[in-house]
Amino acid sequence: MIKELTKEQTARFPEFVEKWLGYGLATGPCDKKAAEKAACEAYKAAGLPAPKHFVWVSGPLKGSELAGRALKAKDYKEFKAMKSGGSTSEGFAVRGYGQFSAGWCSYYDYWFQVCNLECVKPLNGLLELTKHVSMWWAFEEMTVLCERPTIIARDDQNRLHSQTGPCLEYKDDLKFYAFHGTVVPEAWIMGKPTAAEVLSCTNVEQRRAGAEIVGWAKILKDLKSRTIDTDPDPMIGELVEVDLPEAPNSRFLRVMCGTGREFALPVPPTLTTALAANCWTYDLGVDLEQFKGYKVRT
């Protein structure tokens, strides 16, 4: 039993972080033969015969649909005869480790490579497979393997991000759009959301991202916002009133959080001060004296 790591062992942490980050963020063509060999090894470790058929897909949507179809079929012959009928959600739920599980895989790889834990050895097939595929699905007679994405774009803090196109894209045209780690609608990246669209969004993080995309100065100008009250502390914020589509005289608290990011939070139209509005967002009623000790938003 290992109770404590040596200095030499802990010194190798960065090596495994860098290695598995590389696998997790890999794009482009993969080594299909190596992936299929690794899948056979994983089956063997589980006490199962190697799959007879390998089905490659260019994106997770198609893979999930095929997996959902395979769940309904009695055997590979019936699966091949089925033209549709797979549940994408059910198929996605039974996916196996892929590149986006690289964090867990780095943990197992470290214990085997550095600490010689033989109990981890049966996972070697899974670890090897993770190096080559985005995700995969195991069935009795076949394995469905998904190729890597063609694009993974990140910001300087390694969050999914692109201001010019998809941050994650597969060859089958499945695309995801994100702004500094927050998933947003495609139109917000490929075009420009209007101020009304941003402030009408019910998701707080998306609303914040949209406000950053458009710019707060433009939002307030476009909506002709009216300042109701401004607190000297930017973390208490500014209470403004704007006219949204089908919602005139809507009030928002424009506030800065502890990380320096600016938010727009909807508040009841009855509130008249920025402090009362900020207090309300913490569900503290309007006990302003109690709230003064909790002014920093995180």
Protein backbone atom coordinates (compact mmCIF):
# COMPACT_ATOMS: atom_id res chain seq x y z
CA MET A 1 0.00 0.00 0.00
CA ILE A 2 1.31 3.45 -0.93
CA LYS A 3 0.93 5.88 1.95
CA GLU A 4 3.14 8.70 0.70
CA LEU A 5 4.74 9.73 -2.59
CA THR A 6 8.44 10.48 -2.81
CA LYS A 7 9.76 13.83 -4.03
CA GLU A 8 10.90 12.13 -7.23
CA GLN A 9 7.40 10.80 -7.82
CA THR A 10 5.64 14.12 -7.21
CA ALA A 11 8.17 15.85 -9.44
CA ARG A 12 6.71 13.92 -12.37
CA PHE A 13 3.21 15.40 -12.03
CA PRO A 14 3.81 18.10 -14.71
CA GLU A 15 4.99 15.44 -17.16
CA PHE A 16 1.65 13.64 -17.03
CA VAL A 17 -0.36 16.87 -17.05
CA GLU A 18 1.35 18.00 -20.24
CA LYS A 19 1.16 14.60 -21.91
CA TRP A 20 -2.55 14.05 -21.28
CA LEU A 21 -3.48 17.63 -22.05
CA GLY A 22 -1.98 16.94 -25.45
CA TYR A 23 -4.17 13.89 -25.93
CA GLY A 24 -7.26 15.65 -24.64
CA LEU A 25 -6.84 18.62 -26.97
CA ALA A 26 -5.68 16.70 -30.04
CA THR A 27 -7.40 17.45 -33.34
CA GLY A 28 -7.14 16.06 -36.84
CA PRO A 29 -6.63 12.50 -38.16
CA CYS A 30 -5.97 9.70 -35.69
CA ASP A 31 -4.24 6.35 -35.96
CA LYS A 32 -7.25 4.12 -36.63
CA LYS A 33 -5.29 0.86 -36.57
CA ALA A 34 -3.83 1.73 -33.17
CA ALA A 35 -7.30 2.64 -31.89
CA GLU A 36 -8.82 -0.64 -33.06
CA LYS A 37 -5.95 -2.59 -31.50
CA ALA A 38 -6.48 -0.74 -28.21
CA ALA A 39 -10.21 -1.51 -28.31
CA CYS A 40 -9.44 -5.21 -28.66
CA GLU A 41 -7.11 -4.98 -25.66
CA ALA A 42 -9.84 -3.28 -23.62
CA TYR A 43 -12.32 -6.04 -24.53
CA LYS A 44 -9.78 -8.69 -23.56
CA ALA A 45 -9.18 -7.04 -20.18
CA ALA A 46 -12.93 -7.20 -19.58
CA GLY A 47 -12.98 -10.93 -20.41
CA LEU A 48 -14.78 -10.41 -23.71
CA PRO A 49 -13.97 -11.57 -27.24
CA ALA A 50 -12.58 -8.88 -29.52
CA PRO A 51 -15.17 -7.00 -31.59
CA LYS A 52 -15.65 -8.35 -35.11
CA HIS A 53 -16.67 -5.02 -36.61
CA PHE A 54 -15.33 -1.48 -36.25
CA VAL A 55 -17.62 1.36 -37.28
CA TRP A 56 -15.95 4.78 -37.61
CA VAL A 57 -17.96 7.99 -37.44
CA SER A 58 -16.83 11.57 -37.97
CA GLY A 59 -18.78 13.09 -35.11
CA PRO A 60 -20.46 12.25 -31.78
CA LEU A 61 -24.00 12.87 -33.01
CA LYS A 62 -23.75 10.12 -35.60
CA GLY A 63 -21.95 7.88 -33.12
CA SER A 64 -24.67 8.41 -30.51
CA GLU A 65 -27.39 7.69 -33.05
CA LEU A 66 -25.69 4.44 -34.11
CA ALA A 67 -25.15 3.49 -30.48
CA GLY A 68 -28.83 4.12 -29.75
CA ARG A 69 -29.71 1.90 -32.70
CA ALA A 70 -27.34 -0.82 -31.49
CA LEU A 71 -29.04 -0.79 -28.09
CA LYS A 72 -32.29 -1.81 -29.80
CA ALA A 73 -30.79 -4.48 -32.08
CA LYS A 74 -30.41 -8.12 -31.04
CA ASP A 75 -27.22 -8.62 -33.04
CA TYR A 76 -24.97 -6.99 -35.63
CA LYS A 77 -27.03 -8.34 -38.55
CA GLU A 78 -30.18 -6.69 -37.22
CA PHE A 79 -28.24 -3.50 -36.52
CA LYS A 80 -27.05 -3.33 -40.13
CA ALA A 81 -30.59 -3.86 -41.38
CA MET A 82 -31.93 -0.94 -39.32
CA LYS A 83 -32.04 2.36 -41.20
CA SER A 84 -33.13 4.53 -38.29
CA GLY A 85 -34.64 4.34 -34.86
CA GLY A 86 -31.64 5.03 -32.64
CA SER A 87 -32.08 7.29 -29.63
CA THR A 88 -29.23 9.82 -29.67
CA SER A 89 -29.64 10.64 -25.97
CA GLU A 90 -29.62 6.96 -24.94
CA GLY A 91 -26.66 6.29 -27.22
CA PHE A 92 -24.67 9.23 -25.84
CA ALA A 93 -25.28 8.02 -22.30
CA VAL A 94 -23.43 4.74 -22.92
CA ARG A 95 -20.32 6.22 -24.53
CA GLY A 96 -16.90 5.11 -23.30
CA TYR A 97 -13.77 7.01 -22.34
CA GLY A 98 -12.44 9.31 -25.06
CA GLN A 99 -10.08 12.24 -25.30
CA PHE A 100 -12.29 14.42 -23.09
CA SER A 101 -11.71 11.94 -20.27
CA ALA A 102 -7.97 12.57 -20.47
CA GLY A 103 -7.93 13.99 -16.96
CA TRP A 104 -9.04 10.69 -15.42
CA CYS A 105 -6.76 8.74 -17.71
CA SER A 106 -3.73 10.76 -16.65
CA TYR A 107 -4.45 9.71 -13.07
CA TYR A 108 -4.47 6.00 -13.91
CA ASP A 109 -1.49 6.30 -16.23
CA TYR A 110 0.55 7.99 -13.50
CA TRP A 111 -0.12 5.26 -10.94
CA PHE A 112 0.89 2.56 -13.39
CA GLN A 113 3.91 4.23 -14.97
CA VAL A 114 5.40 5.91 -11.89
CA CYS A 115 4.16 3.84 -8.95
CA ASN A 116 4.02 0.43 -10.66
CA LEU A 117 0.49 -0.35 -9.45
CA GLU A 118 -0.35 -3.60 -11.24
CA CYS A 119 -4.06 -3.21 -10.46
CA VAL A 120 -4.15 -0.41 -13.05
CA LYS A 121 -2.68 -2.57 -15.83
CA PRO A 122 -6.05 -3.87 -17.11
CA LEU A 123 -6.93 -0.26 -18.01
CA ASN A 124 -4.05 0.09 -20.46
CA GLY A 125 -6.28 -0.67 -23.45
CA LEU A 126 -8.71 2.06 -22.43
CA LEU A 127 -5.86 4.51 -21.87
CA GLU A 128 -4.38 3.78 -25.27
CA LEU A 129 -7.78 4.13 -26.95
CA THR A 130 -8.28 7.52 -25.31
CA LYS A 131 -5.17 8.78 -27.10
CA HIS A 132 -6.77 8.22 -30.50
CA VAL A 133 -10.55 8.77 -30.39
CA SER A 134 -12.88 11.54 -29.31
CA MET A 135 -15.29 8.97 -27.82
CA TRP A 136 -16.37 5.38 -28.45
CA TRP A 137 -19.14 2.84 -27.83
CA ALA A 138 -18.62 -0.86 -27.03
CA PHE A 139 -21.08 -3.59 -28.02
CA GLU A 140 -20.91 -7.37 -28.15
CA GLU A 141 -19.99 -7.72 -31.81
CA MET A 142 -18.91 -4.23 -32.77
CA THR A 143 -17.30 -1.03 -31.60
CA VAL A 144 -18.29 2.45 -32.75
CA LEU A 145 -15.36 4.87 -32.75
CA CYS A 146 -15.58 8.64 -33.20
CA GLU A 147 -12.80 10.57 -34.87
CA ARG A 148 -11.23 13.61 -33.23
CA PRO A 149 -12.64 17.09 -33.79
CA THR A 150 -11.08 19.29 -36.44
CA ILE A 151 -11.04 22.39 -34.22
CA ILE A 152 -10.60 22.99 -30.50
CA ALA A 153 -10.15 26.72 -29.88
CA ARG A 154 -9.34 28.12 -26.44
CA ASP A 155 -8.52 31.42 -24.76
CA ASP A 156 -5.40 32.17 -22.71
CA GLN A 157 -7.00 30.48 -19.69
CA ASN A 158 -7.66 27.28 -21.67
CA ARG A 159 -11.42 27.85 -21.75
CA LEU A 160 -13.32 27.00 -24.94
CA HIS A 161 -13.47 30.27 -26.84
CA SER A 162 -13.58 31.79 -30.31
CA GLN A 163 -14.85 35.18 -31.43
CA THR A 164 -14.66 34.30 -35.12
CA GLY A 165 -16.13 30.80 -35.46
CA PRO A 166 -16.81 27.52 -33.65
CA CYS A 167 -14.65 26.64 -30.68
CA LEU A 168 -15.27 22.92 -31.23
CA GLU A 169 -16.02 21.37 -34.62
CA TYR A 170 -16.18 17.88 -36.09
CA LYS A 171 -15.95 16.71 -39.69
CA ASP A 172 -19.68 15.96 -39.72
CA ASP A 173 -20.28 19.73 -39.24
CA LEU A 174 -21.27 19.43 -35.57
CA LYS A 175 -20.18 22.74 -34.08
CA PHE A 176 -20.16 24.40 -30.67
CA TYR A 177 -19.74 28.09 -29.97
CA ALA A 178 -18.41 29.58 -26.75
CA PHE A 179 -17.18 32.90 -25.42
CA HIS A 180 -14.50 32.52 -22.73
CA GLY A 181 -15.90 29.18 -21.60
CA THR A 182 -19.61 30.04 -21.82
CA VAL A 183 -21.60 28.27 -24.52
CA VAL A 184 -23.55 30.82 -26.58
CA PRO A 185 -25.82 30.70 -29.66
CA GLU A 186 -24.07 30.46 -33.02
CA ALA A 187 -25.60 33.78 -34.10
CA TRP A 188 -23.87 35.57 -31.24
CA ILE A 189 -20.45 34.60 -32.62
CA MET A 190 -21.08 34.55 -36.36
CA GLY A 191 -23.16 37.72 -36.21
CA LYS A 192 -23.94 40.14 -33.41
CA PRO A 193 -26.73 39.79 -30.85
CA THR A 194 -28.86 42.82 -30.21
CA ALA A 195 -28.98 44.43 -26.81
CA ALA A 196 -32.56 43.24 -26.36
CA GLU A 197 -31.61 39.64 -27.19
CA VAL A 198 -28.81 39.68 -24.64
CA LEU A 199 -30.78 41.11 -21.74
CA SER A 200 -33.78 38.92 -22.54
CA CYS A 201 -31.63 35.79 -22.14
CA THR A 202 -32.63 33.88 -19.01
CA ASN A 203 -29.19 32.27 -18.53
CA VAL A 204 -27.09 34.61 -16.37
CA GLU A 205 -23.73 33.42 -17.72
CA GLN A 206 -24.91 33.65 -21.33
CA ARG A 207 -26.28 37.11 -20.66
CA ARG A 208 -22.93 38.18 -19.24
CA ALA A 209 -21.08 36.72 -22.23
CA GLY A 210 -23.47 38.39 -24.64
CA ALA A 211 -22.98 41.70 -22.90
CA GLU A 212 -19.22 41.33 -23.31
CA ILE A 213 -19.61 40.41 -26.98
CA VAL A 214 -21.79 43.43 -27.71
CA GLY A 215 -20.17 45.75 -25.19
CA TRP A 216 -21.98 47.36 -22.29
CA ALA A 217 -21.62 50.86 -23.69
CA LYS A 218 -23.45 49.81 -26.85
CA ILE A 219 -26.11 47.86 -24.96
CA LEU A 220 -27.01 50.78 -22.75
CA LYS A 221 -26.91 53.17 -25.68
CA ASP A 222 -29.05 50.97 -27.95
CA LEU A 223 -31.66 50.41 -25.28
CA LYS A 224 -31.52 54.00 -24.08
CA SER A 225 -31.17 52.84 -20.50
CA ARG A 226 -32.18 55.13 -17.69
CA THR A 227 -30.06 55.19 -14.54
CA ILE A 228 -32.21 54.83 -11.44
CA ASP A 229 -29.43 54.73 -8.85
CA THR A 230 -25.65 54.28 -8.76
CA ASP A 231 -23.73 53.03 -5.73
CA PRO A 232 -20.17 54.32 -5.19
CA ASP A 233 -19.04 50.69 -4.89
CA PRO A 234 -18.93 49.01 -8.35
CA MET A 235 -19.54 45.66 -6.65
CA ILE A 236 -22.88 47.03 -5.49
CA GLY A 237 -23.48 48.37 -8.96
CA GLU A 238 -25.84 50.55 -10.90
CA LEU A 239 -29.59 50.11 -11.11
CA VAL A 240 -30.85 50.85 -14.63
CA GLU A 241 -34.20 50.70 -16.37
CA VAL A 242 -34.64 49.65 -19.99
CA ASP A 243 -37.51 48.89 -22.32
CA LEU A 244 -37.31 45.31 -23.59
CA PRO A 245 -39.57 43.82 -26.23
CA GLU A 246 -42.93 43.17 -24.51
CA ALA A 247 -41.39 44.19 -21.18
CA PRO A 248 -41.14 47.97 -20.78
CA ASN A 249 -39.60 49.48 -17.64
CA SER A 250 -37.54 46.36 -16.91
CA ARG A 251 -34.89 46.90 -14.30
CA PHE A 252 -31.42 45.41 -14.21
CA LEU A 253 -28.57 45.64 -11.78
CA ARG A 254 -25.33 46.33 -13.62
CA VAL A 255 -22.68 44.99 -11.25
CA MET A 256 -19.05 43.89 -11.18
CA CYS A 257 -18.17 40.53 -9.59
CA GLY A 258 -15.06 39.64 -7.61
CA THR A 259 -13.30 38.44 -10.78
CA GLY A 260 -13.70 41.83 -12.45
CA ARG A 261 -16.42 40.68 -14.85
CA GLU A 262 -19.55 42.74 -15.37
CA PHE A 263 -23.04 41.24 -15.08
CA ALA A 264 -26.57 42.43 -15.79
CA LEU A 265 -29.00 40.83 -13.35
CA PRO A 266 -32.78 41.23 -13.66
CA VAL A 267 -34.40 42.61 -10.52
CA PRO A 268 -37.97 43.51 -9.52
CA PRO A 269 -39.20 46.87 -10.87
CA THR A 270 -40.17 47.96 -7.37
CA LEU A 271 -36.54 48.31 -6.22
CA THR A 272 -35.24 51.86 -6.22
CA THR A 273 -31.58 51.64 -5.16
CA ALA A 274 -28.60 49.64 -6.39
CA LEU A 275 -27.91 48.42 -2.84
CA ALA A 276 -31.46 47.11 -2.43
CA ALA A 277 -31.24 45.40 -5.84
CA ASN A 278 -27.92 43.75 -4.97
CA CYS A 279 -29.31 42.64 -1.63
CA TRP A 280 -32.33 41.12 -3.41
CA THR A 281 -30.10 39.00 -5.71
CA TYR A 282 -28.73 37.24 -2.63
CA ASP A 283 -32.26 36.44 -1.45
CA LEU A 284 -31.76 38.53 1.67
CA GLY A 285 -34.94 40.51 1.27
CA VAL A 286 -34.26 44.19 1.82
CA ASP A 287 -32.31 43.99 5.08
CA LEU A 288 -29.70 46.44 3.87
CA GLU A 289 -27.82 46.67 7.15
CA GLN A 290 -27.36 42.88 7.20
CA PHE A 291 -26.20 42.93 3.58
CA LYS A 292 -23.47 45.52 4.00
CA GLY A 293 -21.13 42.83 5.29
CA TYR A 294 -21.63 40.68 2.15
CA LYS A 295 -21.00 43.10 -0.66
CA VAL A 296 -18.45 41.15 -2.73
CA ARG A 297 -20.05 39.04 -5.49
CA THR A 298 -18.06 35.93 -6.44
